[in-house]
Amino acid sequence: MRKVFPLDWALSVQWRIWRAKTFLRRGALKLQYVLTVYTLLIINKAGGLVYNRDFSPSPNASVEKISTNDYLVLAGTFHGVHAITKSLTPRIPTKNPTSSSRPSSNPNALNIAPSLDNTQPSSQIQTTTPNPNLPVTGLETLETSFFRLTCFQTHTGTKFLLITDPLMPNVDAVMKGVYERYADHVMKNPFYQLEMPIRVEGWDRAVGQWLGGR
């Protein structure tokens, strides 16, 4: 037997579907607004701030915008904390002290030769990191309920700090895009002096297009 539904019930179902779609659309727009990039900092190998730029204000209206001097203090403080966290990497022994004293091919290996008396032969102890396949690095991510700080350090010691929303995905890909534009517009610029503040219009335009729309 074919069922016939009242018109009021059908309209009620359509209204509920429309309301659910509206809430989902608003939630997607709100999530898109929250998942933003706040600030980009670049620190040279000596701990000096060479570039800083704000892209999106914090969603918390009570947070006061910090000044350039505060960014300079932040850069120096993070540089010191990064060096400390790098030195805190644990090391474990890998060989018996009486074994062969050939140098290891592991770049993270360290030879410790304690000697209490110069007349006695020193015993050689070889240590390595828990994961020898990974390089020894310092602080890479600092996450709070308000922001996430991601650090990327180049082989020359330059550090890129990206402050984003804690829920923002694919931060590594965003950081990779920043570094690619830095290599194209800053490092290939013949007028730029290394370790000096970055004042390159092409770099400002490229990084603004890459991070400004997020």
Protein backbone atom coordinates (compact mmCIF):
# COMPACT_ATOMS: atom_id res chain seq x y z
CA MET A 1 0.00 0.00 0.00
CA ARG A 2 1.40 3.40 -0.98
CA LYS A 3 1.92 5.84 1.85
CA VAL A 4 0.94 9.48 1.44
CA PHE A 5 2.83 11.99 3.62
CA PRO A 6 1.21 15.27 4.66
CA LEU A 7 2.47 18.45 3.00
CA ASP A 8 3.38 20.00 6.36
CA TRP A 9 5.64 17.04 7.20
CA ALA A 10 7.43 17.27 3.82
CA LEU A 11 8.02 20.99 4.24
CA SER A 12 9.30 20.38 7.76
CA VAL A 13 11.86 17.87 6.47
CA GLN A 14 13.04 20.28 3.76
CA TRP A 15 13.37 23.08 6.31
CA ARG A 16 15.48 20.87 8.57
CA ILE A 17 17.75 19.90 5.68
CA TRP A 18 18.19 23.56 4.72
CA ARG A 19 18.97 24.48 8.32
CA ALA A 20 21.58 21.71 8.62
CA LYS A 21 23.29 22.85 5.40
CA THR A 22 23.33 26.44 6.67
CA PHE A 23 25.01 25.44 9.93
CA LEU A 24 27.59 23.35 8.07
CA ARG A 25 28.34 26.23 5.71
CA ARG A 26 28.78 28.66 8.59
CA GLY A 27 31.01 26.20 10.43
CA ALA A 28 33.20 25.76 7.35
CA LEU A 29 33.55 29.54 6.94
CA LYS A 30 34.40 29.93 10.63
CA LEU A 31 36.98 27.14 10.45
CA GLN A 32 38.49 28.71 7.35
CA TYR A 33 38.84 31.99 9.23
CA VAL A 34 40.44 30.42 12.30
CA LEU A 35 43.02 28.31 10.45
CA THR A 36 45.33 31.19 9.62
CA VAL A 37 48.98 32.16 9.73
CA TYR A 38 49.71 34.84 12.31
CA THR A 39 53.40 35.74 12.09
CA LEU A 40 56.60 34.82 10.25
CA LEU A 41 60.02 35.39 11.84
CA ILE A 42 63.47 34.73 10.36
CA ILE A 43 66.49 34.52 12.68
CA ASN A 44 70.10 34.40 11.48
CA LYS A 45 72.69 31.99 12.84
CA ALA A 46 73.85 34.53 15.43
CA GLY A 47 70.37 34.88 16.93
CA GLY A 48 69.52 38.22 15.34
CA LEU A 49 66.10 38.98 13.89
CA VAL A 50 66.41 39.69 10.17
CA TYR A 51 62.72 39.58 9.16
CA ASN A 52 59.32 39.72 10.86
CA ARG A 53 55.85 40.17 9.43
CA ASP A 54 52.31 39.82 10.77
CA PHE A 55 49.70 38.38 8.41
CA SER A 56 46.53 37.85 10.44
CA PRO A 57 45.52 39.26 13.82
CA SER A 58 44.95 36.92 16.71
CA PRO A 59 41.29 35.85 17.13
CA ASN A 60 41.60 36.79 20.80
CA ALA A 61 40.84 40.51 20.92
CA SER A 62 42.45 40.86 24.36
CA VAL A 63 45.90 39.93 23.00
CA GLU A 64 47.96 43.06 22.49
CA LYS A 65 50.10 43.33 19.38
CA ILE A 66 53.79 43.16 20.26
CA SER A 67 56.34 45.68 19.04
CA THR A 68 59.51 45.25 17.01
CA ASN A 69 61.62 45.37 20.19
CA ASP A 70 59.58 42.50 21.61
CA TYR A 71 60.23 40.52 18.43
CA LEU A 72 63.98 41.15 18.85
CA VAL A 73 63.85 39.82 22.42
CA LEU A 74 61.78 36.85 21.26
CA ALA A 75 64.33 36.02 18.54
CA GLY A 76 67.28 36.09 20.93
CA THR A 77 65.43 34.08 23.57
CA PHE A 78 64.32 31.42 21.12
CA HIS A 79 67.86 31.18 19.72
CA GLY A 80 69.18 30.36 23.19
CA VAL A 81 66.38 27.92 24.00
CA HIS A 82 66.91 26.18 20.66
CA ALA A 83 70.62 25.67 21.42
CA ILE A 84 69.82 24.33 24.91
CA THR A 85 67.24 21.84 23.64
CA LYS A 86 69.70 20.65 21.00
CA SER A 87 72.32 19.92 23.67
CA LEU A 88 69.76 17.98 25.74
CA THR A 89 69.58 15.18 23.16
CA PRO A 90 70.46 11.98 25.08
CA ARG A 91 73.43 9.84 24.06
CA ILE A 92 73.84 6.12 24.64
CA PRO A 93 76.98 3.94 24.41
CA THR A 94 77.27 1.80 21.31
CA LYS A 95 80.50 -0.17 21.79
CA ASN A 96 82.37 -2.02 24.49
CA PRO A 97 85.31 0.04 25.78
CA THR A 98 87.65 -2.87 25.00
CA SER A 99 86.44 -3.17 21.41
CA SER A 100 88.08 -1.77 18.34
CA SER A 101 88.90 1.93 18.43
CA ARG A 102 88.17 2.59 14.78
CA PRO A 103 86.22 5.82 14.18
CA SER A 104 82.57 5.29 13.39
CA SER A 105 80.95 6.46 10.17
CA ASN A 106 77.93 7.70 12.14
CA PRO A 107 77.96 11.56 12.04
CA ASN A 108 76.18 11.68 15.41
CA ALA A 109 78.72 9.45 17.11
CA LEU A 110 80.97 11.02 19.75
CA ASN A 111 84.16 9.55 21.18
CA ILE A 112 84.67 10.12 24.90
CA ALA A 113 88.10 9.22 26.23
CA PRO A 114 88.28 9.72 30.02
CA SER A 115 91.78 9.54 31.48
CA LEU A 116 92.69 9.84 35.15
CA ASP A 117 96.42 9.37 34.68
CA ASN A 118 98.57 10.24 31.69
CA THR A 119 100.66 7.15 32.25
CA GLN A 120 97.66 4.83 31.89
CA PRO A 121 96.04 4.05 28.54
CA SER A 122 92.70 5.77 28.12
CA SER A 123 89.59 3.68 27.50
CA GLN A 124 87.53 4.80 24.52
CA ILE A 125 83.74 4.91 24.83
CA GLN A 126 81.66 5.57 21.74
CA THR A 127 78.17 7.06 22.06
CA THR A 128 75.38 7.88 19.65
CA THR A 129 71.87 9.30 19.64
CA PRO A 130 68.79 7.08 20.13
CA ASN A 131 67.96 7.42 16.43
CA PRO A 132 71.24 7.73 14.49
CA ASN A 133 69.43 8.12 11.16
CA LEU A 134 68.00 11.51 12.19
CA PRO A 135 70.14 14.64 12.67
CA VAL A 136 70.36 16.24 16.09
CA THR A 137 67.99 19.21 16.16
CA GLY A 138 66.65 21.60 18.74
CA LEU A 139 63.12 22.75 19.46
CA GLU A 140 60.93 22.21 16.40
CA THR A 141 57.33 22.70 17.60
CA LEU A 142 55.79 24.59 20.51
CA GLU A 143 52.03 24.19 20.75
CA THR A 144 49.54 25.87 23.07
CA SER A 145 45.78 26.24 23.08
CA PHE A 146 46.12 29.64 21.35
CA PHE A 147 48.89 29.15 18.77
CA ARG A 148 51.48 26.77 17.38
CA LEU A 149 55.10 27.81 16.81
CA THR A 150 56.95 25.78 14.16
CA CYS A 151 60.70 26.13 13.65
CA PHE A 152 62.62 25.13 10.54
CA GLN A 153 66.43 25.44 10.65
CA THR A 154 68.54 25.39 7.50
CA HIS A 155 72.00 23.83 7.22
CA THR A 156 73.54 27.31 7.51
CA GLY A 157 71.83 27.97 10.86
CA THR A 158 69.03 30.28 9.68
CA LYS A 159 65.77 29.66 11.54
CA PHE A 160 62.26 30.20 10.18
CA LEU A 161 59.57 30.60 12.84
CA LEU A 162 55.96 30.30 11.73
CA ILE A 163 53.23 31.13 14.26
CA THR A 164 49.89 29.67 13.20
CA ASP A 165 46.57 28.53 14.59
CA PRO A 166 47.00 25.28 16.57
CA LEU A 167 44.43 23.50 14.35
CA MET A 168 46.00 24.52 11.05
CA PRO A 169 46.98 21.43 8.98
CA ASN A 170 49.94 20.90 6.64
CA VAL A 171 52.20 23.42 8.39
CA ASP A 172 55.28 21.62 7.04
CA ALA A 173 54.08 22.18 3.47
CA VAL A 174 53.44 25.85 4.22
CA MET A 175 56.93 26.20 5.71
CA LYS A 176 58.42 24.49 2.67
CA GLY A 177 56.74 27.05 0.42
CA VAL A 178 58.16 29.88 2.54
CA TYR A 179 61.67 28.48 2.26
CA GLU A 180 61.37 28.00 -1.50
CA ARG A 181 60.40 31.65 -1.94
CA TYR A 182 63.21 32.70 0.39
CA ALA A 183 65.71 30.79 -1.74
CA ASP A 184 64.35 32.26 -4.99
CA HIS A 185 63.93 35.89 -4.00
CA VAL A 186 66.46 36.47 -1.20
CA MET A 187 69.39 34.10 -1.63
CA LYS A 188 69.48 34.65 -5.41
CA ASN A 189 69.41 38.41 -5.02
CA PRO A 190 72.94 39.73 -5.76
CA PHE A 191 72.34 42.86 -3.65
CA TYR A 192 71.42 41.01 -0.45
CA GLN A 193 74.10 40.65 2.22
CA LEU A 194 73.99 37.49 4.30
CA GLU A 195 72.95 37.72 7.96
CA MET A 196 71.55 41.22 7.37
CA PRO A 197 67.90 42.39 7.58
CA ILE A 198 65.85 41.32 4.57
CA ARG A 199 64.50 44.22 2.52
CA VAL A 200 63.60 42.67 -0.83
CA GLU A 201 60.37 43.73 -2.52
CA GLY A 202 60.07 40.52 -4.52
CA TRP A 203 60.33 38.46 -1.35
CA ASP A 204 57.70 40.56 0.45
CA ARG A 205 55.32 40.21 -2.47
CA ALA A 206 55.85 36.46 -2.89
CA VAL A 207 55.56 35.55 0.80
CA GLY A 208 52.56 37.84 1.16
CA GLN A 209 50.74 36.01 -1.62
CA TRP A 210 51.69 32.65 -0.14
CA LEU A 211 50.72 33.32 3.48
CA GLY A 212 48.31 36.22 3.22
CA GLY A 213 45.43 34.18 1.83
CA ARG A 214 45.54 31.53 4.55
